[in-house]
Amino acid sequence: MEREVNYVTVSAKIPRRLKELLDKYGIKPGPIIRRALEEEVKKRVLAELEEKAREIFGKLSHISDEEVAFLVREDREKR
């Protein structure tokens, strides 16, 4: 099954000289902008996940290794 991709257009103002250089060197800005935006979003998502992991670790850090092992064994036995 093929996944349908919907696109939207975003725009940015850049200095005229930069646009002239893009044209001179035949650089298509779309793929570069898309890649940069994807990388920035990925970086932010990872930072958010790291923060959530720190919060969870803080809430669970009081549980001893022995208690974790007991809970894992207990869960396995229920299966």
Protein backbone atom coordinates (compact mmCIF):
# COMPACT_ATOMS: atom_id res chain seq x y z
CA MET A 1 0.00 0.00 0.00
CA GLU A 2 1.43 3.37 -1.00
CA ARG A 3 1.39 6.17 1.53
CA GLU A 4 -0.06 9.41 0.24
CA VAL A 5 2.09 12.44 0.98
CA ASN A 6 0.49 15.84 1.22
CA TYR A 7 2.70 18.86 0.65
CA VAL A 8 2.43 22.46 1.72
CA THR A 9 4.53 25.37 0.56
CA VAL A 10 6.71 27.37 2.93
CA SER A 11 8.60 30.43 1.90
CA ALA A 12 11.57 32.36 3.16
CA LYS A 13 13.09 35.67 2.25
CA ILE A 14 16.76 35.47 1.40
CA PRO A 15 19.22 38.13 0.30
CA ARG A 16 19.15 38.84 -3.43
CA ARG A 17 22.87 38.00 -3.71
CA LEU A 18 22.25 34.54 -2.27
CA LYS A 19 19.48 33.95 -4.81
CA GLU A 20 21.83 35.05 -7.59
CA LEU A 21 24.44 32.57 -6.40
CA LEU A 22 21.88 29.77 -6.19
CA ASP A 23 20.94 30.49 -9.80
CA LYS A 24 24.56 30.79 -10.91
CA TYR A 25 25.46 27.38 -9.49
CA GLY A 26 22.17 25.72 -10.41
CA ILE A 27 21.32 24.97 -6.80
CA LYS A 28 17.72 23.94 -6.19
CA PRO A 29 16.85 25.25 -2.72
CA GLY A 30 13.86 22.92 -2.13
CA PRO A 31 15.75 19.72 -1.29
CA ILE A 32 18.28 21.62 0.83
CA ILE A 33 15.59 23.45 2.77
CA ARG A 34 13.60 20.24 3.25
CA ARG A 35 16.67 18.38 4.55
CA ALA A 36 17.59 21.22 6.92
CA LEU A 37 14.06 21.40 8.29
CA GLU A 38 13.90 17.62 8.73
CA GLU A 39 17.21 17.64 10.61
CA GLU A 40 16.08 20.48 12.88
CA VAL A 41 12.78 18.74 13.67
CA LYS A 42 14.64 15.48 14.37
CA LYS A 43 16.99 17.33 16.73
CA ARG A 44 14.06 18.90 18.60
CA VAL A 45 12.16 15.59 18.84
CA LEU A 46 15.25 13.87 20.25
CA ALA A 47 15.76 16.68 22.78
CA GLU A 48 12.13 16.36 23.86
CA LEU A 49 12.47 12.57 24.23
CA GLU A 50 15.67 12.97 26.24
CA GLU A 51 13.91 15.37 28.60
CA LYS A 52 10.98 12.97 29.05
CA ALA A 53 13.42 10.10 29.68
CA ARG A 54 15.17 12.18 32.37
CA GLU A 55 11.79 12.87 34.01
CA ILE A 56 10.88 9.18 33.97
CA PHE A 57 14.30 8.18 35.29
CA GLY A 58 13.90 10.67 38.13
CA LYS A 59 10.53 9.19 39.06
CA LEU A 60 11.82 5.60 38.88
CA SER A 61 15.30 6.04 40.33
CA HIS A 62 14.11 5.10 43.83
CA ILE A 63 13.24 1.55 42.69
CA SER A 64 16.01 -0.91 43.55
CA ASP A 65 17.56 -3.32 41.04
CA GLU A 66 16.21 -6.21 43.10
CA GLU A 67 12.66 -4.87 42.86
CA VAL A 68 13.01 -4.43 39.09
CA ALA A 69 14.27 -8.02 38.76
CA PHE A 70 11.36 -9.26 40.88
CA LEU A 71 8.82 -7.37 38.75
CA VAL A 72 10.35 -8.69 35.51
CA ARG A 73 10.27 -12.29 36.82
CA GLU A 74 6.71 -11.84 38.03
CA ASP A 75 5.63 -10.50 34.62
CA ARG A 76 7.34 -13.37 32.78
CA GLU A 77 5.62 -15.94 34.99
CA LYS A 78 2.21 -14.47 34.17
CA ARG A 79 2.72 -15.09 30.44
